[in-house]
Amino acid sequence: MYGDEDKRTFEERRAEVVAIVRAASDFAGADYGLRGIFLAMSEAHDETAFDEAFGTMAASLSENTARYLQTA
């Protein structure tokens, strides 16, 4: 997800993305079903696990948004 030029630690980069996703999501409401994926992303111990969970989260959020827009 990040290029080699980013000198921050994995934990710093992960914290930034987790904060952005948390702010953009409603895990108490519409996005509640994605809580498990979010927790996996938040607790990822390495870049590979994080990238997998982030990809799943992004696809799921996109799918939920599309469904919402179709019903609105």
PDB file of N, CA and C in Angstrom:
ATOM      1  N   MET A   1       0.816  -1.187   0.000  1.00  0.00           N
ATOM      2  CA  MET A   1       0.000   0.000   0.000  1.00  0.00           C
ATOM      3  C   MET A   1       0.866   1.259   0.000  1.00  0.00           C
ATOM      4  N   TYR A   2       1.944   1.243   0.724  1.00  0.00           N
ATOM      5  CA  TYR A   2       2.838   2.395   0.793  1.00  0.00           C
ATOM      6  C   TYR A   2       4.109   2.100   0.015  1.00  0.00           C
ATOM      7  N   GLY A   3       4.709   3.141  -0.536  1.00  0.00           N
ATOM      8  CA  GLY A   3       5.950   2.982  -1.270  1.00  0.00           C
ATOM      9  C   GLY A   3       7.153   2.942  -0.343  1.00  0.00           C
ATOM     10  N   ASP A   4       8.291   2.601  -0.899  1.00  0.00           N
ATOM     11  CA  ASP A   4       9.525   2.516  -0.116  1.00  0.00           C
ATOM     12  C   ASP A   4       9.986   3.872   0.402  1.00  0.00           C
ATOM     13  N   GLU A   5       9.503   4.955  -0.193  1.00  0.00           N
ATOM     14  CA  GLU A   5       9.926   6.291   0.224  1.00  0.00           C
ATOM     15  C   GLU A   5       9.310   6.714   1.559  1.00  0.00           C
ATOM     16  N   ASP A   6       8.296   6.026   2.024  1.00  0.00           N
ATOM     17  CA  ASP A   6       7.638   6.349   3.290  1.00  0.00           C
ATOM     18  C   ASP A   6       8.500   5.799   4.429  1.00  0.00           C
ATOM     19  N   LYS A   7       9.054   6.671   5.229  1.00  0.00           N
ATOM     20  CA  LYS A   7       9.992   6.273   6.284  1.00  0.00           C
ATOM     21  C   LYS A   7       9.321   5.983   7.620  1.00  0.00           C
ATOM     22  N   ARG A   8       7.999   6.131   7.686  1.00  0.00           N
ATOM     23  CA  ARG A   8       7.298   5.836   8.927  1.00  0.00           C
ATOM     24  C   ARG A   8       7.275   4.329   9.171  1.00  0.00           C
ATOM     25  N   THR A   9       7.102   3.947  10.422  1.00  0.00           N
ATOM     26  CA  THR A   9       7.025   2.528  10.737  1.00  0.00           C
ATOM     27  C   THR A   9       5.694   1.962  10.249  1.00  0.00           C
ATOM     28  N   PHE A  10       5.636   0.660  10.157  1.00  0.00           N
ATOM     29  CA  PHE A  10       4.391  -0.004   9.773  1.00  0.00           C
ATOM     30  C   PHE A  10       3.280   0.384  10.738  1.00  0.00           C
ATOM     31  N   GLU A  11       3.583   0.410  12.018  1.00  0.00           N
ATOM     32  CA  GLU A  11       2.574   0.737  13.022  1.00  0.00           C
ATOM     33  C   GLU A  11       2.027   2.151  12.842  1.00  0.00           C
ATOM     34  N   GLU A  12       2.892   3.097  12.484  1.00  0.00           N
ATOM     35  CA  GLU A  12       2.454   4.480  12.243  1.00  0.00           C
ATOM     36  C   GLU A  12       1.560   4.566  11.012  1.00  0.00           C
ATOM     37  N   ARG A  13       1.944   3.875   9.951  1.00  0.00           N
ATOM     38  CA  ARG A  13       1.135   3.883   8.723  1.00  0.00           C
ATOM     39  C   ARG A  13      -0.197   3.199   8.965  1.00  0.00           C
ATOM     40  N   ARG A  14      -0.167   2.064   9.688  1.00  0.00           N
ATOM     41  CA  ARG A  14      -1.399   1.345  10.000  1.00  0.00           C
ATOM     42  C   ARG A  14      -2.340   2.224  10.811  1.00  0.00           C
ATOM     43  N   ALA A  15      -1.811   2.908  11.814  1.00  0.00           N
ATOM     44  CA  ALA A  15      -2.636   3.776  12.670  1.00  0.00           C
ATOM     45  C   ALA A  15      -3.310   4.874  11.847  1.00  0.00           C
ATOM     46  N   GLU A  16      -2.592   5.425  10.891  1.00  0.00           N
ATOM     47  CA  GLU A  16      -3.165   6.472  10.043  1.00  0.00           C
ATOM     48  C   GLU A  16      -4.352   5.942   9.235  1.00  0.00           C
ATOM     49  N   VAL A  17      -4.172   4.798   8.597  1.00  0.00           N
ATOM     50  CA  VAL A  17      -5.238   4.228   7.776  1.00  0.00           C
ATOM     51  C   VAL A  17      -6.423   3.807   8.645  1.00  0.00           C
ATOM     52  N   VAL A  18      -6.147   3.200   9.798  1.00  0.00           N
ATOM     53  CA  VAL A  18      -7.216   2.785  10.704  1.00  0.00           C
ATOM     54  C   VAL A  18      -8.048   3.990  11.123  1.00  0.00           C
ATOM     55  N   ALA A  19      -7.393   5.103  11.425  1.00  0.00           N
ATOM     56  CA  ALA A  19      -8.118   6.314  11.831  1.00  0.00           C
ATOM     57  C   ALA A  19      -9.003   6.837  10.696  1.00  0.00           C
ATOM     58  N   ILE A  20      -8.506   6.802   9.482  1.00  0.00           N
ATOM     59  CA  ILE A  20      -9.277   7.274   8.325  1.00  0.00           C
ATOM     60  C   ILE A  20     -10.492   6.372   8.102  1.00  0.00           C
ATOM     61  N   VAL A  21     -10.282   5.058   8.128  1.00  0.00           N
ATOM     62  CA  VAL A  21     -11.384   4.118   7.903  1.00  0.00           C
ATOM     63  C   VAL A  21     -12.417   4.229   9.018  1.00  0.00           C
ATOM     64  N   ARG A  22     -11.953   4.356  10.266  1.00  0.00           N
ATOM     65  CA  ARG A  22     -12.878   4.486  11.396  1.00  0.00           C
ATOM     66  C   ARG A  22     -13.748   5.736  11.227  1.00  0.00           C
ATOM     67  N   ALA A  23     -13.148   6.838  10.792  1.00  0.00           N
ATOM     68  CA  ALA A  23     -13.884   8.092  10.620  1.00  0.00           C
ATOM     69  C   ALA A  23     -14.888   8.011   9.464  1.00  0.00           C
ATOM     70  N   ALA A  24     -14.585   7.202   8.457  1.00  0.00           N
ATOM     71  CA  ALA A  24     -15.431   7.126   7.264  1.00  0.00           C
ATOM     72  C   ALA A  24     -16.487   6.030   7.345  1.00  0.00           C
ATOM     73  N   SER A  25     -16.484   5.267   8.425  1.00  0.00           N
ATOM     74  CA  SER A  25     -17.376   4.116   8.526  1.00  0.00           C
ATOM     75  C   SER A  25     -18.280   4.230   9.739  1.00  0.00           C
ATOM     76  N   ASP A  26     -19.369   3.489   9.689  1.00  0.00           N
ATOM     77  CA  ASP A  26     -20.329   3.461  10.789  1.00  0.00           C
ATOM     78  C   ASP A  26     -20.420   2.031  11.308  1.00  0.00           C
ATOM     79  N   PHE A  27     -19.452   1.633  12.150  1.00  0.00           N
ATOM     80  CA  PHE A  27     -19.406   0.262  12.633  1.00  0.00           C
ATOM     81  C   PHE A  27     -20.460  -0.037  13.685  1.00  0.00           C
ATOM     82  N   ALA A  28     -21.195   0.976  14.121  1.00  0.00           N
ATOM     83  CA  ALA A  28     -22.308   0.762  15.047  1.00  0.00           C
ATOM     84  C   ALA A  28     -23.620   0.655  14.272  1.00  0.00           C
ATOM     85  N   GLY A  29     -23.595   1.006  13.000  1.00  0.00           N
ATOM     86  CA  GLY A  29     -24.816   1.017  12.197  1.00  0.00           C
ATOM     87  C   GLY A  29     -24.663   0.249  10.904  1.00  0.00           C
ATOM     88  N   ALA A  30     -24.711   0.976   9.801  1.00  0.00           N
ATOM     89  CA  ALA A  30     -24.740   0.374   8.467  1.00  0.00           C
ATOM     90  C   ALA A  30     -23.550  -0.539   8.175  1.00  0.00           C
ATOM     91  N   ASP A  31     -22.399  -0.225   8.716  1.00  0.00           N
ATOM     92  CA  ASP A  31     -21.193  -1.006   8.434  1.00  0.00           C
ATOM     93  C   ASP A  31     -20.855  -2.008   9.535  1.00  0.00           C
ATOM     94  N   TYR A  32     -21.822  -2.280  10.419  1.00  0.00           N
ATOM     95  CA  TYR A  32     -21.567  -3.154  11.569  1.00  0.00           C
ATOM     96  C   TYR A  32     -20.998  -4.510  11.159  1.00  0.00           C
ATOM     97  N   GLY A  33     -21.481  -5.058  10.073  1.00  0.00           N
ATOM     98  CA  GLY A  33     -21.021  -6.365   9.600  1.00  0.00           C
ATOM     99  C   GLY A  33     -19.553  -6.388   9.210  1.00  0.00           C
ATOM    100  N   LEU A  34     -18.962  -5.230   9.044  1.00  0.00           N
ATOM    101  CA  LEU A  34     -17.554  -5.140   8.638  1.00  0.00           C
ATOM    102  C   LEU A  34     -16.615  -5.006   9.833  1.00  0.00           C
ATOM    103  N   ARG A  35     -17.182  -5.029  11.035  1.00  0.00           N
ATOM    104  CA  ARG A  35     -16.370  -4.850  12.236  1.00  0.00           C
ATOM    105  C   ARG A  35     -15.232  -5.857  12.335  1.00  0.00           C
ATOM    106  N   GLY A  36     -15.492  -7.107  12.016  1.00  0.00           N
ATOM    107  CA  GLY A  36     -14.466  -8.146  12.085  1.00  0.00           C
ATOM    108  C   GLY A  36     -13.305  -7.868  11.147  1.00  0.00           C
ATOM    109  N   ILE A  37     -13.630  -7.439   9.944  1.00  0.00           N
ATOM    110  CA  ILE A  37     -12.590  -7.102   8.973  1.00  0.00           C
ATOM    111  C   ILE A  37     -11.793  -5.899   9.472  1.00  0.00           C
ATOM    112  N   PHE A  38     -12.498  -4.903  10.014  1.00  0.00           N
ATOM    113  CA  PHE A  38     -11.830  -3.720  10.543  1.00  0.00           C
ATOM    114  C   PHE A  38     -10.882  -4.097  11.682  1.00  0.00           C
ATOM    115  N   LEU A  39     -11.325  -4.969  12.560  1.00  0.00           N
ATOM    116  CA  LEU A  39     -10.460  -5.390  13.665  1.00  0.00           C
ATOM    117  C   LEU A  39      -9.239  -6.142  13.149  1.00  0.00           C
ATOM    118  N   ALA A  40      -9.419  -6.986  12.145  1.00  0.00           N
ATOM    119  CA  ALA A  40      -8.279  -7.705  11.554  1.00  0.00           C
ATOM    120  C   ALA A  40      -7.282  -6.711  10.961  1.00  0.00           C
ATOM    121  N   MET A  41      -7.789  -5.691  10.295  1.00  0.00           N
ATOM    122  CA  MET A  41      -6.921  -4.666   9.720  1.00  0.00           C
ATOM    123  C   MET A  41      -6.208  -3.888  10.835  1.00  0.00           C
ATOM    124  N   SER A  42      -6.941  -3.556  11.883  1.00  0.00           N
ATOM    125  CA  SER A  42      -6.384  -2.776  12.992  1.00  0.00           C
ATOM    126  C   SER A  42      -5.299  -3.532  13.746  1.00  0.00           C
ATOM    127  N   GLU A  43      -5.442  -4.846  13.802  1.00  0.00           N
ATOM    128  CA  GLU A  43      -4.522  -5.661  14.581  1.00  0.00           C
ATOM    129  C   GLU A  43      -3.478  -6.381  13.744  1.00  0.00           C
ATOM    130  N   ALA A  44      -3.436  -6.099  12.446  1.00  0.00           N
ATOM    131  CA  ALA A  44      -2.473  -6.769  11.562  1.00  0.00           C
ATOM    132  C   ALA A  44      -1.047  -6.557  12.071  1.00  0.00           C
ATOM    133  N   HIS A  45      -0.277  -7.643  12.060  1.00  0.00           N
ATOM    134  CA  HIS A  45       1.088  -7.582  12.578  1.00  0.00           C
ATOM    135  C   HIS A  45       2.128  -7.346  11.493  1.00  0.00           C
ATOM    136  N   ASP A  46       1.715  -7.429  10.244  1.00  0.00           N
ATOM    137  CA  ASP A  46       2.658  -7.172   9.161  1.00  0.00           C
ATOM    138  C   ASP A  46       1.935  -6.589   7.956  1.00  0.00           C
ATOM    139  N   GLU A  47       2.725  -6.129   7.019  1.00  0.00           N
ATOM    140  CA  GLU A  47       2.218  -5.446   5.828  1.00  0.00           C
ATOM    141  C   GLU A  47       1.291  -6.350   4.998  1.00  0.00           C
ATOM    142  N   THR A  48       1.632  -7.620   4.878  1.00  0.00           N
ATOM    143  CA  THR A  48       0.836  -8.539   4.066  1.00  0.00           C
ATOM    144  C   THR A  48      -0.553  -8.734   4.660  1.00  0.00           C
ATOM    145  N   ALA A  49      -0.631  -8.999   5.955  1.00  0.00           N
ATOM    146  CA  ALA A  49      -1.926  -9.181   6.613  1.00  0.00           C
ATOM    147  C   ALA A  49      -2.744  -7.898   6.542  1.00  0.00           C
ATOM    148  N   PHE A  50      -2.073  -6.758   6.701  1.00  0.00           N
ATOM    149  CA  PHE A  50      -2.763  -5.480   6.623  1.00  0.00           C
ATOM    150  C   PHE A  50      -3.336  -5.254   5.229  1.00  0.00           C
ATOM    151  N   ASP A  51      -2.519  -5.470   4.203  1.00  0.00           N
ATOM    152  CA  ASP A  51      -2.966  -5.256   2.826  1.00  0.00           C
ATOM    153  C   ASP A  51      -4.162  -6.147   2.481  1.00  0.00           C
ATOM    154  N   GLU A  52      -4.147  -7.400   2.947  1.00  0.00           N
ATOM    155  CA  GLU A  52      -5.260  -8.313   2.702  1.00  0.00           C
ATOM    156  C   GLU A  52      -6.543  -7.790   3.340  1.00  0.00           C
ATOM    157  N   ALA A  53      -6.449  -7.441   4.618  1.00  0.00           N
ATOM    158  CA  ALA A  53      -7.621  -6.951   5.338  1.00  0.00           C
ATOM    159  C   ALA A  53      -8.109  -5.622   4.758  1.00  0.00           C
ATOM    160  N   PHE A  54      -7.184  -4.741   4.393  1.00  0.00           N
ATOM    161  CA  PHE A  54      -7.566  -3.455   3.820  1.00  0.00           C
ATOM    162  C   PHE A  54      -8.286  -3.661   2.489  1.00  0.00           C
ATOM    163  N   GLY A  55      -7.786  -4.552   1.668  1.00  0.00           N
ATOM    164  CA  GLY A  55      -8.437  -4.830   0.384  1.00  0.00           C
ATOM    165  C   GLY A  55      -9.849  -5.347   0.568  1.00  0.00           C
ATOM    166  N   THR A  56     -10.026  -6.251   1.521  1.00  0.00           N
ATOM    167  CA  THR A  56     -11.352  -6.782   1.824  1.00  0.00           C
ATOM    168  C   THR A  56     -12.266  -5.676   2.340  1.00  0.00           C
ATOM    169  N   MET A  57     -11.733  -4.839   3.223  1.00  0.00           N
ATOM    170  CA  MET A  57     -12.508  -3.733   3.789  1.00  0.00           C
ATOM    171  C   MET A  57     -12.930  -2.756   2.690  1.00  0.00           C
ATOM    172  N   ALA A  58     -12.008  -2.374   1.838  1.00  0.00           N
ATOM    173  CA  ALA A  58     -12.313  -1.418   0.773  1.00  0.00           C
ATOM    174  C   ALA A  58     -13.379  -1.967  -0.172  1.00  0.00           C
ATOM    175  N   ALA A  59     -13.261  -3.236  -0.552  1.00  0.00           N
ATOM    176  CA  ALA A  59     -14.246  -3.837  -1.449  1.00  0.00           C
ATOM    177  C   ALA A  59     -15.617  -3.898  -0.783  1.00  0.00           C
ATOM    178  N   SER A  60     -15.648  -4.256   0.492  1.00  0.00           N
ATOM    179  CA  SER A  60     -16.920  -4.354   1.211  1.00  0.00           C
ATOM    180  C   SER A  60     -17.577  -2.996   1.391  1.00  0.00           C
ATOM    181  N   LEU A  61     -16.794  -1.985   1.738  1.00  0.00           N
ATOM    182  CA  LEU A  61     -17.352  -0.637   1.883  1.00  0.00           C
ATOM    183  C   LEU A  61     -17.901  -0.138   0.555  1.00  0.00           C
ATOM    184  N   SER A  62     -17.186  -0.411  -0.518  1.00  0.00           N
ATOM    185  CA  SER A  62     -17.636  -0.002  -1.839  1.00  0.00           C
ATOM    186  C   SER A  62     -18.954  -0.687  -2.195  1.00  0.00           C
ATOM    187  N   GLU A  63     -19.052  -1.974  -1.882  1.00  0.00           N
ATOM    188  CA  GLU A  63     -20.274  -2.733  -2.155  1.00  0.00           C
ATOM    189  C   GLU A  63     -21.436  -2.196  -1.327  1.00  0.00           C
ATOM    190  N   ASN A  64     -21.202  -1.915  -0.042  1.00  0.00           N
ATOM    191  CA  ASN A  64     -22.257  -1.366   0.803  1.00  0.00           C
ATOM    192  C   ASN A  64     -22.724  -0.008   0.300  1.00  0.00           C
ATOM    193  N   THR A  65     -21.797   0.818  -0.139  1.00  0.00           N
ATOM    194  CA  THR A  65     -22.141   2.148  -0.645  1.00  0.00           C
ATOM    195  C   THR A  65     -22.996   2.028  -1.903  1.00  0.00           C
ATOM    196  N   ALA A  66     -22.597   1.133  -2.794  1.00  0.00           N
ATOM    197  CA  ALA A  66     -23.364   0.944  -4.031  1.00  0.00           C
ATOM    198  C   ALA A  66     -24.784   0.471  -3.720  1.00  0.00           C
ATOM    199  N   ARG A  67     -24.919  -0.458  -2.765  1.00  0.00           N
ATOM    200  CA  ARG A  67     -26.244  -0.940  -2.381  1.00  0.00           C
ATOM    201  C   ARG A  67     -27.085   0.183  -1.782  1.00  0.00           C
ATOM    202  N   TYR A  68     -26.471   0.990  -0.940  1.00  0.00           N
ATOM    203  CA  TYR A  68     -27.174   2.104  -0.323  1.00  0.00           C
ATOM    204  C   TYR A  68     -27.669   3.096  -1.379  1.00  0.00           C
ATOM    205  N   LEU A  69     -26.810   3.419  -2.339  1.00  0.00           N
ATOM    206  CA  LEU A  69     -27.184   4.393  -3.364  1.00  0.00           C
ATOM    207  C   LEU A  69     -28.307   3.865  -4.255  1.00  0.00           C
ATOM    208  N   GLN A  70     -28.376   2.573  -4.441  1.00  0.00           N
ATOM    209  CA  GLN A  70     -29.441   1.985  -5.258  1.00  0.00           C
ATOM    210  C   GLN A  70     -30.787   2.054  -4.538  1.00  0.00           C
ATOM    211  N   THR A  71     -30.767   2.037  -3.212  1.00  0.00           N
ATOM    212  CA  THR A  71     -32.023   2.066  -2.468  1.00  0.00           C
ATOM    213  C   THR A  71     -32.450   3.464  -2.083  1.00  0.00           C
ATOM    214  N   ALA A  72     -31.548   4.426  -2.220  1.00  0.00           N
ATOM    215  CA  ALA A  72     -31.870   5.812  -1.811  1.00  0.00           C
ATOM    216  C   ALA A  72     -32.669   6.530  -2.849  1.00  0.00           C
TER     217      ALA A  72
END
